[in-house]
Amino acid sequence: MTFTLLSRAYCHLCDEMLAKLRPIADAYGAQIRVVDVDADPALEEAYGNDVPVLFRGDPEGGAELCRHRLDAARVAAAFAASAAAPAGPGRVDG
């Protein structure tokens, strides 16, 4: 599973969310992709100062899990849903 964290360099909430997410992701073998919203004009326009935002997968097609503060219950539910999903060619994990 891959998480995408929309972040920016001077955001203390972004730093806090990443710090809390890392041990959870490590425990489940998940990847974290950090995207700087200031480096992408479309993301900066869409999210502005409304960061951090955590997605399961990519912002374009993934599920938004939480904003501003890590919602550990939603992250755990994302792992549970991923583990319960049947394997197969139609499965997209990310």
N, C-alpha and C. Protein backbone atom coordinates (compact mmCIF):
# COMPACT_ATOMS: atom_id res chain seq x y z
N MET A 1 0.85 -1.17 0.00
CA MET A 1 0.00 0.00 0.00
C MET A 1 0.89 1.23 0.00
N THR A 2 0.43 2.25 -0.68
CA THR A 2 1.16 3.52 -0.73
C THR A 2 0.27 4.63 -0.21
N PHE A 3 0.83 5.47 0.63
CA PHE A 3 0.16 6.68 1.09
C PHE A 3 0.81 7.86 0.41
N THR A 4 0.01 8.86 0.08
CA THR A 4 0.53 10.12 -0.42
C THR A 4 0.16 11.21 0.57
N LEU A 5 1.18 11.91 1.03
CA LEU A 5 0.99 13.01 1.97
C LEU A 5 1.25 14.32 1.25
N LEU A 6 0.20 15.14 1.12
CA LEU A 6 0.38 16.47 0.57
C LEU A 6 0.89 17.35 1.69
N SER A 7 2.00 18.01 1.43
CA SER A 7 2.73 18.70 2.48
C SER A 7 3.36 19.97 1.93
N ARG A 8 4.03 20.70 2.80
CA ARG A 8 4.86 21.82 2.37
C ARG A 8 5.96 22.00 3.41
N ALA A 9 7.00 22.66 3.00
CA ALA A 9 8.23 22.74 3.80
C ALA A 9 8.05 23.44 5.14
N TYR A 10 7.25 24.44 5.22
CA TYR A 10 7.16 25.22 6.46
C TYR A 10 5.92 24.90 7.30
N CYS A 11 5.39 23.72 7.17
CA CYS A 11 4.14 23.34 7.82
C CYS A 11 4.41 22.40 9.00
N HIS A 12 4.21 22.89 10.22
CA HIS A 12 4.45 22.04 11.39
C HIS A 12 3.45 20.90 11.49
N LEU A 13 2.20 21.12 11.03
CA LEU A 13 1.23 20.04 11.05
C LEU A 13 1.63 18.92 10.08
N CYS A 14 2.22 19.30 8.97
CA CYS A 14 2.71 18.31 8.00
C CYS A 14 3.82 17.46 8.62
N ASP A 15 4.74 18.12 9.30
CA ASP A 15 5.83 17.40 9.97
C ASP A 15 5.28 16.45 11.02
N GLU A 16 4.28 16.91 11.79
CA GLU A 16 3.69 16.06 12.83
C GLU A 16 2.99 14.84 12.23
N MET A 17 2.22 15.06 11.14
CA MET A 17 1.51 13.94 10.54
C MET A 17 2.50 12.91 9.99
N LEU A 18 3.54 13.38 9.32
CA LEU A 18 4.53 12.45 8.78
C LEU A 18 5.22 11.67 9.89
N ALA A 19 5.57 12.34 10.98
CA ALA A 19 6.24 11.66 12.10
C ALA A 19 5.35 10.59 12.71
N LYS A 20 4.06 10.84 12.80
CA LYS A 20 3.14 9.85 13.37
C LYS A 20 2.80 8.74 12.38
N LEU A 21 2.83 9.06 11.09
CA LEU A 21 2.50 8.07 10.07
C LEU A 21 3.65 7.09 9.84
N ARG A 22 4.88 7.54 9.93
CA ARG A 22 6.04 6.68 9.62
C ARG A 22 6.05 5.36 10.37
N PRO A 23 5.91 5.35 11.70
CA PRO A 23 5.95 4.04 12.38
C PRO A 23 4.80 3.12 12.00
N ILE A 24 3.63 3.69 11.71
CA ILE A 24 2.49 2.88 11.29
C ILE A 24 2.77 2.26 9.92
N ALA A 25 3.24 3.07 9.00
CA ALA A 25 3.56 2.58 7.66
C ALA A 25 4.66 1.53 7.72
N ASP A 26 5.67 1.77 8.52
CA ASP A 26 6.76 0.80 8.67
C ASP A 26 6.25 -0.53 9.20
N ALA A 27 5.34 -0.48 10.16
CA ALA A 27 4.81 -1.71 10.75
C ALA A 27 4.05 -2.56 9.73
N TYR A 28 3.41 -1.91 8.77
CA TYR A 28 2.63 -2.62 7.76
C TYR A 28 3.35 -2.77 6.43
N GLY A 29 4.57 -2.26 6.34
CA GLY A 29 5.31 -2.36 5.09
C GLY A 29 4.77 -1.45 4.01
N ALA A 30 4.14 -0.35 4.39
CA ALA A 30 3.57 0.60 3.42
C ALA A 30 4.61 1.65 3.04
N GLN A 31 4.41 2.24 1.89
CA GLN A 31 5.26 3.32 1.39
C GLN A 31 4.58 4.65 1.65
N ILE A 32 5.39 5.67 1.88
CA ILE A 32 4.87 7.04 2.03
C ILE A 32 5.51 7.90 0.95
N ARG A 33 4.67 8.51 0.16
CA ARG A 33 5.13 9.45 -0.87
C ARG A 33 4.74 10.85 -0.40
N VAL A 34 5.72 11.72 -0.18
CA VAL A 34 5.46 13.08 0.27
C VAL A 34 5.52 13.99 -0.95
N VAL A 35 4.45 14.76 -1.17
CA VAL A 35 4.35 15.66 -2.31
C VAL A 35 4.25 17.09 -1.80
N ASP A 36 5.15 17.94 -2.24
CA ASP A 36 5.15 19.34 -1.87
C ASP A 36 4.11 20.06 -2.73
N VAL A 37 3.03 20.56 -2.12
CA VAL A 37 1.98 21.22 -2.90
C VAL A 37 2.50 22.48 -3.58
N ASP A 38 3.53 23.10 -3.03
CA ASP A 38 4.08 24.31 -3.63
C ASP A 38 4.82 24.03 -4.94
N ALA A 39 5.16 22.77 -5.18
CA ALA A 39 5.88 22.40 -6.40
C ALA A 39 4.92 22.07 -7.55
N ASP A 40 3.62 22.02 -7.26
CA ASP A 40 2.63 21.67 -8.27
C ASP A 40 1.52 22.72 -8.24
N PRO A 41 1.45 23.59 -9.24
CA PRO A 41 0.45 24.66 -9.22
C PRO A 41 -1.00 24.17 -9.06
N ALA A 42 -1.33 23.04 -9.66
CA ALA A 42 -2.70 22.52 -9.54
C ALA A 42 -3.00 22.10 -8.10
N LEU A 43 -2.05 21.43 -7.47
CA LEU A 43 -2.25 21.02 -6.07
C LEU A 43 -2.28 22.23 -5.14
N GLU A 44 -1.42 23.20 -5.41
CA GLU A 44 -1.38 24.41 -4.57
C GLU A 44 -2.71 25.15 -4.68
N GLU A 45 -3.25 25.21 -5.88
CA GLU A 45 -4.54 25.88 -6.07
C GLU A 45 -5.66 25.11 -5.38
N ALA A 46 -5.63 23.80 -5.49
CA ALA A 46 -6.70 22.97 -4.93
C ALA A 46 -6.66 22.91 -3.40
N TYR A 47 -5.46 22.88 -2.82
CA TYR A 47 -5.34 22.67 -1.38
C TYR A 47 -4.85 23.90 -0.62
N GLY A 48 -4.14 24.80 -1.28
CA GLY A 48 -3.68 26.01 -0.63
C GLY A 48 -3.02 25.72 0.72
N ASN A 49 -3.54 26.35 1.74
CA ASN A 49 -3.02 26.13 3.10
C ASN A 49 -3.73 24.99 3.82
N ASP A 50 -4.58 24.27 3.12
CA ASP A 50 -5.35 23.18 3.72
C ASP A 50 -4.56 21.88 3.69
N VAL A 51 -3.37 21.91 4.27
CA VAL A 51 -2.50 20.74 4.34
C VAL A 51 -2.11 20.53 5.79
N PRO A 52 -1.69 19.37 6.15
CA PRO A 52 -1.46 18.18 5.34
C PRO A 52 -2.76 17.46 5.00
N VAL A 53 -2.68 16.71 3.90
CA VAL A 53 -3.78 15.84 3.49
C VAL A 53 -3.16 14.48 3.17
N LEU A 54 -3.73 13.44 3.75
CA LEU A 54 -3.21 12.09 3.55
C LEU A 54 -4.18 11.29 2.70
N PHE A 55 -3.64 10.66 1.66
CA PHE A 55 -4.42 9.82 0.76
C PHE A 55 -3.90 8.39 0.79
N ARG A 56 -4.80 7.46 0.61
CA ARG A 56 -4.41 6.09 0.28
C ARG A 56 -4.28 6.11 -1.23
N GLY A 57 -3.10 5.89 -1.73
CA GLY A 57 -2.86 5.99 -3.16
C GLY A 57 -2.52 7.41 -3.54
N ASP A 58 -2.94 7.81 -4.74
CA ASP A 58 -2.65 9.14 -5.26
C ASP A 58 -3.81 10.09 -5.01
N PRO A 59 -3.54 11.39 -4.95
CA PRO A 59 -4.64 12.35 -4.77
C PRO A 59 -5.68 12.29 -5.88
N GLU A 60 -5.25 11.96 -7.10
CA GLU A 60 -6.17 11.95 -8.23
C GLU A 60 -7.20 10.83 -8.14
N GLY A 61 -6.82 9.68 -7.66
CA GLY A 61 -7.75 8.56 -7.66
C GLY A 61 -7.83 7.81 -6.35
N GLY A 62 -7.07 8.24 -5.38
CA GLY A 62 -7.06 7.55 -4.10
C GLY A 62 -8.11 8.07 -3.15
N ALA A 63 -8.17 7.47 -2.00
CA ALA A 63 -9.13 7.86 -0.98
C ALA A 63 -8.46 8.80 0.01
N GLU A 64 -9.10 9.94 0.24
CA GLU A 64 -8.59 10.85 1.27
C GLU A 64 -8.88 10.25 2.64
N LEU A 65 -7.84 10.16 3.46
CA LEU A 65 -7.99 9.57 4.79
C LEU A 65 -8.13 10.62 5.88
N CYS A 66 -7.36 11.71 5.79
CA CYS A 66 -7.45 12.73 6.83
C CYS A 66 -6.75 14.02 6.40
N ARG A 67 -7.12 15.10 7.08
CA ARG A 67 -6.51 16.42 6.88
C ARG A 67 -6.09 16.98 8.22
N HIS A 68 -5.03 17.69 8.21
CA HIS A 68 -4.51 18.45 9.35
C HIS A 68 -3.93 17.60 10.47
N ARG A 69 -4.63 16.57 10.90
CA ARG A 69 -4.15 15.67 11.96
C ARG A 69 -4.33 14.23 11.50
N LEU A 70 -3.41 13.38 11.91
CA LEU A 70 -3.51 11.97 11.53
C LEU A 70 -4.70 11.32 12.23
N ASP A 71 -5.54 10.67 11.47
CA ASP A 71 -6.66 9.90 12.00
C ASP A 71 -6.23 8.43 11.96
N ALA A 72 -5.66 7.98 13.06
CA ALA A 72 -5.10 6.62 13.11
C ALA A 72 -6.16 5.56 12.84
N ALA A 73 -7.40 5.80 13.25
CA ALA A 73 -8.47 4.83 13.01
C ALA A 73 -8.75 4.68 11.52
N ARG A 74 -8.75 5.78 10.78
CA ARG A 74 -8.98 5.70 9.33
C ARG A 74 -7.82 5.02 8.62
N VAL A 75 -6.60 5.28 9.09
CA VAL A 75 -5.43 4.62 8.50
C VAL A 75 -5.51 3.11 8.76
N ALA A 76 -5.86 2.73 9.99
CA ALA A 76 -6.00 1.31 10.32
C ALA A 76 -7.10 0.67 9.48
N ALA A 77 -8.21 1.40 9.27
CA ALA A 77 -9.29 0.87 8.44
C ALA A 77 -8.85 0.68 6.99
N ALA A 78 -7.99 1.57 6.50
CA ALA A 78 -7.46 1.43 5.14
C ALA A 78 -6.63 0.15 5.02
N PHE A 79 -5.82 -0.13 6.05
CA PHE A 79 -5.04 -1.37 6.04
C PHE A 79 -5.96 -2.58 6.12
N ALA A 80 -6.98 -2.53 6.95
CA ALA A 80 -7.91 -3.65 7.09
C ALA A 80 -8.65 -3.90 5.78
N ALA A 81 -9.08 -2.82 5.11
CA ALA A 81 -9.78 -2.97 3.83
C ALA A 81 -8.86 -3.56 2.78
N SER A 82 -7.61 -3.16 2.80
CA SER A 82 -6.64 -3.67 1.85
C SER A 82 -6.40 -5.16 2.08
N ALA A 83 -6.30 -5.55 3.34
CA ALA A 83 -6.05 -6.96 3.67
C ALA A 83 -7.26 -7.82 3.35
N ALA A 84 -8.48 -7.25 3.46
CA ALA A 84 -9.70 -8.01 3.22
C ALA A 84 -10.07 -8.09 1.75
N ALA A 85 -9.50 -7.20 0.93
CA ALA A 85 -9.84 -7.19 -0.50
C ALA A 85 -9.31 -8.45 -1.17
N PRO A 86 -10.11 -9.05 -2.04
CA PRO A 86 -9.63 -10.27 -2.72
C PRO A 86 -8.50 -9.94 -3.70
N ALA A 87 -7.55 -10.82 -3.75
CA ALA A 87 -6.44 -10.65 -4.69
C ALA A 87 -6.94 -11.01 -6.09
N GLY A 88 -6.35 -10.38 -7.06
CA GLY A 88 -6.74 -10.71 -8.42
C GLY A 88 -6.33 -9.63 -9.37
N PRO A 89 -6.55 -9.84 -10.66
CA PRO A 89 -6.10 -8.88 -11.66
C PRO A 89 -6.80 -7.53 -11.57
N GLY A 90 -8.00 -7.46 -11.01
CA GLY A 90 -8.72 -6.20 -10.92
C GLY A 90 -8.36 -5.38 -9.70
N ARG A 91 -7.58 -5.96 -8.81
CA ARG A 91 -7.25 -5.28 -7.56
C ARG A 91 -6.17 -4.24 -7.80
N VAL A 92 -6.43 -3.05 -7.30
CA VAL A 92 -5.44 -1.98 -7.36
C VAL A 92 -5.10 -1.64 -5.93
N ASP A 93 -3.88 -1.86 -5.53
CA ASP A 93 -3.46 -1.60 -4.18
C ASP A 93 -2.63 -0.35 -4.14
N GLY A 94 -3.20 0.72 -3.67
CA GLY A 94 -2.40 1.91 -3.62
C GLY A 94 -3.21 3.05 -3.51
